[in-house]
Every structure is written in C-alpha cells, then in structure tokens.
Amino acid sequence: MVETEPTAAAVWSPTPLEQSSWLEFSTLSGIPGLVAGVDEVGRGALFGPVVAAAVILPDHALPILIAAKIKDSKKLSSSRRIQLAQQICGLAIDWKIGFASTAEIDKINILQATLLAMKRAVLKLKVQPALCLVDGNQSIKDLLLPQQTIVKGDERSLAIASASIVAKVWRDELVLRLALKYPMYNLEGNKGYGSQRHLLALQQYGPSPLHRQSFRPCQIKRLNVE
C-alpha cells in the first residue's frame, strides 16, 4: 500500500515490478495529454444491449487503483466490481457510457454494434482525450481521435480495466432492472448470457423483445407446453 499520494512525476518514473505490467507505467508513460480507456461488455450475451465505457484517469489515480488491486472485470466478484466502479468514477477526470440496442445489434451485427457503443461512449466525454486505448484488435470507425487497439487491454491498461469495470456494473444494473419485467429467463442470475436455465426458458417461452434475434439460441421456436 502507498502511504502518501505520489506526485505526477513519481507516478511516471521507473516503477517496481508489480506496477511494470501496466502499460501506463511503461510504453505509454511518455504520451502527453489525457488518455481514455475504452472497453465493452455484453458482447456474448443473448439479451440486452452491448455496453461500452470510456474512462479518463488522472495520473494520481493510477497508484491508487493498483493498491486497490484492480483487474479485468471478469476476474472480480460482483460486490468488488461495484466498489471499484464507485472508486473509479470518483477518481476519473471524466467517464461516460455508450450502448447499442438489441435492434441495432440485429441490424448491423454484434461487432459493428460493439464499435458503435464504444464510439458513443467516447463522443459523450466532455473532456477530449489525446489518445483512446481500445480493448481488442478493432479500431473504432469514424472516430476522429487518435486511438490504439490493445489485445487483452483489460489485463494490460489501467484505463481499459477501469472502463471494463464501469461498463460491467452499469450493464448488470440495467439487466437486473429488466429482469423484473422478464422473470422467466433468470436474468438476475445469468445477466443475459446463455446459461442452461436461460436456454431452457427460451425453449419454453420463446425470446422476448430484448433478445438478440440474430443470435442462434434466440431463434428457437417456443415449445408447445399445453
């Protein structure tokens, strides 16, 4: 744990081994200007929108988040994600959410919808970053800002990991609200992903209006249960 908050100069100086795996302390340390991390969640879900977050962190937030043991959102418990999301949003210079609806996913495909959600999140930022770090290997189309794609970015960049956590918590909270309207799919348990109970419910009840009709498991016809 860091007992005192380091200065910006200290943050960007050579760092201990436990910090060196984060790109902000290595190859990206010399980039002038603000950096936004961009990531999405819900790409593989059967239900609900794909959601992206864009997060800009100040220099002093980086060692704080390392001390908080930030990591890829998929490797955190739900309660820990919520705690970290609150901390990240409190520390961030700016953060925004963008999403693409199920109708848009079905119309333009999940990859293009994912990139659209990311673009919407970045364009909502009130503070313009000098560089966007984008998780994955696909650049955001028609984004008039410098960007760099990073495969497994949520494991390598603190900004992307932060965006992953914020997007995941936001989407989970949305799906939990929608679960009240569609209780038969066990959405509170699967968050819209294809669990066994979810797939069985699709067979029994058919898809809801918020299921992704372009995804094969949602194309199944309702069973006759009379």
Protein backbone atom coordinates (compact mmCIF):
# COMPACT_ATOMS: atom_id res chain seq x y z
CA MET A 1 0.00 0.00 0.00
CA VAL A 2 1.12 3.57 -0.72
CA GLU A 3 1.05 5.63 2.47
CA THR A 4 1.33 9.00 0.78
CA GLU A 5 -0.03 10.11 -2.56
CA PRO A 6 2.87 10.36 -5.04
CA THR A 7 3.38 13.32 -7.30
CA ALA A 8 2.75 13.05 -11.02
CA ALA A 9 6.50 12.90 -11.60
CA ALA A 10 6.83 9.99 -9.22
CA VAL A 11 3.99 8.15 -10.90
CA TRP A 12 5.65 8.29 -14.29
CA SER A 13 9.15 7.41 -13.10
CA PRO A 14 10.59 3.84 -13.25
CA THR A 15 8.35 1.64 -11.15
CA PRO A 16 8.54 -1.56 -9.13
CA LEU A 17 7.91 -4.90 -10.80
CA GLU A 18 4.36 -5.14 -9.50
CA GLN A 19 3.49 -1.99 -11.47
CA SER A 20 5.50 -2.65 -14.60
CA SER A 21 2.89 -4.90 -16.21
CA TRP A 22 0.55 -1.92 -16.64
CA LEU A 23 1.14 -0.03 -19.89
CA GLU A 24 0.63 3.35 -18.22
CA PHE A 25 3.89 2.74 -16.36
CA SER A 26 5.85 1.53 -19.37
CA THR A 27 5.30 2.08 -23.09
CA LEU A 28 2.60 4.73 -22.65
CA SER A 29 4.32 6.71 -19.91
CA GLY A 30 5.70 9.33 -22.29
CA ILE A 31 2.46 10.21 -24.08
CA PRO A 32 1.50 13.85 -23.47
CA GLY A 33 -2.13 14.66 -22.80
CA LEU A 34 -5.03 12.67 -21.40
CA VAL A 35 -5.63 9.02 -22.24
CA ALA A 36 -9.06 7.40 -22.34
CA GLY A 37 -9.57 3.69 -21.82
CA VAL A 38 -12.44 2.16 -23.79
CA ASP A 39 -13.97 -1.28 -23.30
CA GLU A 40 -17.27 -3.10 -23.79
CA VAL A 41 -19.32 -5.73 -22.02
CA GLY A 42 -22.20 -7.91 -23.10
CA ARG A 43 -20.86 -8.86 -26.49
CA GLY A 44 -21.62 -12.54 -25.94
CA ALA A 45 -24.96 -12.10 -24.17
CA LEU A 46 -28.25 -13.24 -25.68
CA PHE A 47 -30.31 -10.49 -24.07
CA GLY A 48 -29.98 -6.73 -23.79
CA PRO A 49 -27.66 -4.11 -25.24
CA VAL A 50 -23.92 -4.20 -25.67
CA VAL A 51 -22.48 -1.53 -23.37
CA ALA A 52 -19.20 0.38 -23.53
CA ALA A 53 -17.48 2.79 -21.17
CA ALA A 54 -14.83 5.43 -21.78
CA VAL A 55 -12.79 6.46 -18.73
CA ILE A 56 -10.12 9.16 -18.36
CA LEU A 57 -8.00 8.79 -15.24
CA PRO A 58 -5.70 11.42 -13.72
CA ASP A 59 -2.09 10.41 -13.01
CA HIS A 60 -2.61 10.28 -9.25
CA ALA A 61 -5.40 7.68 -9.65
CA LEU A 62 -3.10 5.05 -11.13
CA PRO A 63 -1.20 4.01 -7.99
CA ILE A 64 -4.44 4.21 -6.01
CA LEU A 65 -6.12 1.70 -8.32
CA ILE A 66 -3.06 -0.56 -8.28
CA ALA A 67 -3.20 -0.55 -4.47
CA ALA A 68 -6.90 -1.44 -4.76
CA LYS A 69 -5.85 -4.49 -6.83
CA ILE A 70 -7.79 -3.51 -9.92
CA LYS A 71 -8.03 -6.19 -12.62
CA ASP A 72 -10.16 -7.31 -15.56
CA SER A 73 -13.82 -7.07 -14.52
CA LYS A 74 -14.43 -10.76 -15.33
CA LYS A 75 -11.94 -11.73 -12.61
CA LEU A 76 -13.71 -9.76 -9.86
CA SER A 77 -16.69 -10.63 -7.69
CA SER A 78 -19.86 -8.62 -8.23
CA SER A 79 -19.50 -6.80 -4.90
CA ARG A 80 -15.86 -5.94 -5.59
CA ARG A 81 -16.73 -4.64 -9.07
CA ILE A 82 -19.33 -2.33 -7.59
CA GLN A 83 -16.86 -0.99 -5.02
CA LEU A 84 -14.19 -0.41 -7.64
CA ALA A 85 -16.64 1.18 -10.09
CA GLN A 86 -17.61 3.72 -7.44
CA GLN A 87 -13.94 4.41 -6.72
CA ILE A 88 -13.06 4.72 -10.40
CA CYS A 89 -15.92 7.13 -11.13
CA GLY A 90 -14.93 9.21 -8.11
CA LEU A 91 -11.32 9.43 -9.27
CA ALA A 92 -11.92 9.85 -13.01
CA ILE A 93 -11.49 13.16 -14.79
CA ASP A 94 -14.40 12.05 -16.95
CA TRP A 95 -16.29 8.84 -17.73
CA LYS A 96 -19.23 8.06 -19.97
CA ILE A 97 -21.37 5.11 -21.06
CA GLY A 98 -22.45 4.28 -24.59
CA PHE A 99 -24.53 1.36 -25.78
CA ALA A 100 -26.08 -0.24 -28.84
CA SER A 101 -29.57 -1.70 -28.57
CA THR A 102 -30.65 -5.23 -29.42
CA ALA A 103 -32.34 -3.87 -32.55
CA GLU A 104 -29.06 -2.28 -33.64
CA ILE A 105 -27.16 -5.50 -32.89
CA ASP A 106 -29.57 -7.46 -35.08
CA LYS A 107 -29.36 -4.86 -37.85
CA ILE A 108 -25.61 -4.27 -38.12
CA ASN A 109 -24.15 -7.36 -36.32
CA ILE A 110 -22.57 -7.59 -32.90
CA LEU A 111 -19.06 -6.47 -33.93
CA GLN A 112 -20.29 -3.26 -35.55
CA ALA A 113 -22.69 -2.64 -32.66
CA THR A 114 -19.82 -3.05 -30.20
CA LEU A 115 -17.73 -0.48 -32.06
CA LEU A 116 -20.75 1.83 -32.22
CA ALA A 117 -21.25 1.59 -28.45
CA MET A 118 -17.57 2.41 -27.94
CA LYS A 119 -17.78 5.39 -30.27
CA ARG A 120 -20.85 6.72 -28.47
CA ALA A 121 -19.09 6.45 -25.10
CA VAL A 122 -16.04 8.38 -26.36
CA LEU A 123 -18.11 11.07 -28.06
CA LYS A 124 -20.04 11.70 -24.84
CA LEU A 125 -16.85 12.63 -22.98
CA LYS A 126 -16.82 16.30 -22.03
CA VAL A 127 -13.02 16.23 -21.89
CA GLN A 128 -11.34 15.28 -25.17
CA PRO A 129 -8.50 12.76 -24.75
CA ALA A 130 -5.25 12.92 -26.68
CA LEU A 131 -5.42 9.14 -27.19
CA CYS A 132 -8.02 6.40 -26.85
CA LEU A 133 -6.86 2.95 -25.78
CA VAL A 134 -9.35 0.48 -27.21
CA ASP A 135 -9.64 -3.07 -25.95
CA GLY A 136 -9.34 -5.69 -28.70
CA ASN A 137 -7.97 -5.58 -32.22
CA GLN A 138 -10.62 -3.48 -33.96
CA SER A 139 -10.36 0.29 -34.27
CA ILE A 140 -13.46 2.42 -33.73
CA LYS A 141 -14.72 3.51 -37.14
CA ASP A 142 -15.07 7.19 -37.98
CA LEU A 143 -13.65 8.31 -34.64
CA LEU A 144 -11.69 11.50 -35.28
CA LEU A 145 -9.33 10.96 -32.37
CA PRO A 146 -6.04 9.08 -32.18
CA GLN A 147 -6.59 5.54 -30.98
CA GLN A 148 -4.59 2.43 -30.24
CA THR A 149 -6.04 -1.07 -30.05
CA ILE A 150 -4.69 -3.38 -27.35
CA VAL A 151 -5.46 -7.09 -27.32
CA LYS A 152 -6.39 -8.15 -23.77
CA GLY A 153 -6.25 -4.49 -22.88
CA ASP A 154 -8.28 -5.01 -19.72
CA GLU A 155 -5.31 -7.00 -18.38
CA ARG A 156 -2.66 -4.53 -19.56
CA SER A 157 -4.04 -1.00 -19.20
CA LEU A 158 -5.42 0.52 -16.02
CA ALA A 159 -7.66 2.84 -18.05
CA ILE A 160 -9.13 -0.04 -20.07
CA ALA A 161 -9.55 -2.20 -16.95
CA SER A 162 -11.39 0.73 -15.35
CA ALA A 163 -13.66 1.09 -18.38
CA SER A 164 -14.36 -2.66 -18.27
CA ILE A 165 -15.45 -2.46 -14.63
CA VAL A 166 -17.62 0.63 -15.07
CA ALA A 167 -19.33 -0.81 -18.15
CA LYS A 168 -19.93 -4.18 -16.48
CA VAL A 169 -21.51 -2.66 -13.36
CA TRP A 170 -23.70 -0.33 -15.45
CA ARG A 171 -24.92 -3.16 -17.69
CA ASP A 172 -25.53 -5.55 -14.81
CA GLU A 173 -27.67 -2.95 -13.05
CA LEU A 174 -29.66 -2.41 -16.25
CA VAL A 175 -30.26 -6.14 -16.73
CA LEU A 176 -31.33 -6.52 -13.10
CA ARG A 177 -33.99 -3.85 -13.65
CA LEU A 178 -35.15 -5.58 -16.84
CA ALA A 179 -35.25 -8.91 -15.01
CA LEU A 180 -38.31 -7.65 -13.14
CA LYS A 181 -40.16 -7.42 -16.45
CA TYR A 182 -38.94 -10.79 -17.76
CA PRO A 183 -38.67 -13.04 -14.68
CA MET A 184 -38.92 -16.29 -16.64
CA TYR A 185 -35.37 -16.02 -18.05
CA ASN A 186 -33.48 -15.90 -14.70
CA LEU A 187 -31.72 -12.73 -15.86
CA GLU A 188 -30.75 -11.82 -12.32
CA GLY A 189 -28.61 -14.96 -12.30
CA ASN A 190 -27.20 -15.01 -15.84
CA LYS A 191 -27.14 -11.26 -16.69
CA GLY A 192 -28.44 -12.11 -20.16
CA TYR A 193 -25.84 -14.75 -21.01
CA GLY A 194 -26.70 -18.23 -22.23
CA SER A 195 -26.88 -20.26 -19.03
CA GLN A 196 -28.66 -23.60 -19.09
CA ARG A 197 -31.72 -22.15 -17.35
CA HIS A 198 -31.78 -19.27 -19.81
CA LEU A 199 -31.62 -21.60 -22.81
CA LEU A 200 -34.39 -23.80 -21.39
CA ALA A 201 -36.54 -20.73 -20.78
CA LEU A 202 -36.03 -19.67 -24.40
CA GLN A 203 -37.29 -23.08 -25.50
CA GLN A 204 -40.32 -22.84 -23.22
CA TYR A 205 -41.31 -19.19 -23.63
CA GLY A 206 -39.53 -18.09 -26.80
CA PRO A 207 -37.47 -14.87 -26.98
CA SER A 208 -38.52 -11.53 -25.50
CA PRO A 209 -38.41 -8.29 -27.50
CA LEU A 210 -34.99 -7.61 -25.93
CA HIS A 211 -33.41 -10.89 -27.00
CA ARG A 212 -30.96 -10.76 -29.91
CA GLN A 213 -32.84 -12.36 -32.79
CA SER A 214 -29.65 -12.60 -34.85
CA PHE A 215 -28.13 -14.96 -32.24
CA ARG A 216 -28.90 -18.60 -32.95
CA PRO A 217 -30.12 -19.57 -29.43
CA CYS A 218 -32.75 -16.82 -29.70
CA GLN A 219 -34.09 -18.18 -32.99
CA ILE A 220 -35.56 -21.27 -31.38
CA LYS A 221 -39.29 -21.70 -31.65
CA ARG A 222 -41.34 -21.86 -28.49
CA LEU A 223 -42.19 -25.40 -27.43
CA ASN A 224 -45.81 -26.45 -27.12
CA VAL A 225 -46.29 -26.89 -23.39
CA GLU A 226 -50.03 -27.47 -23.30
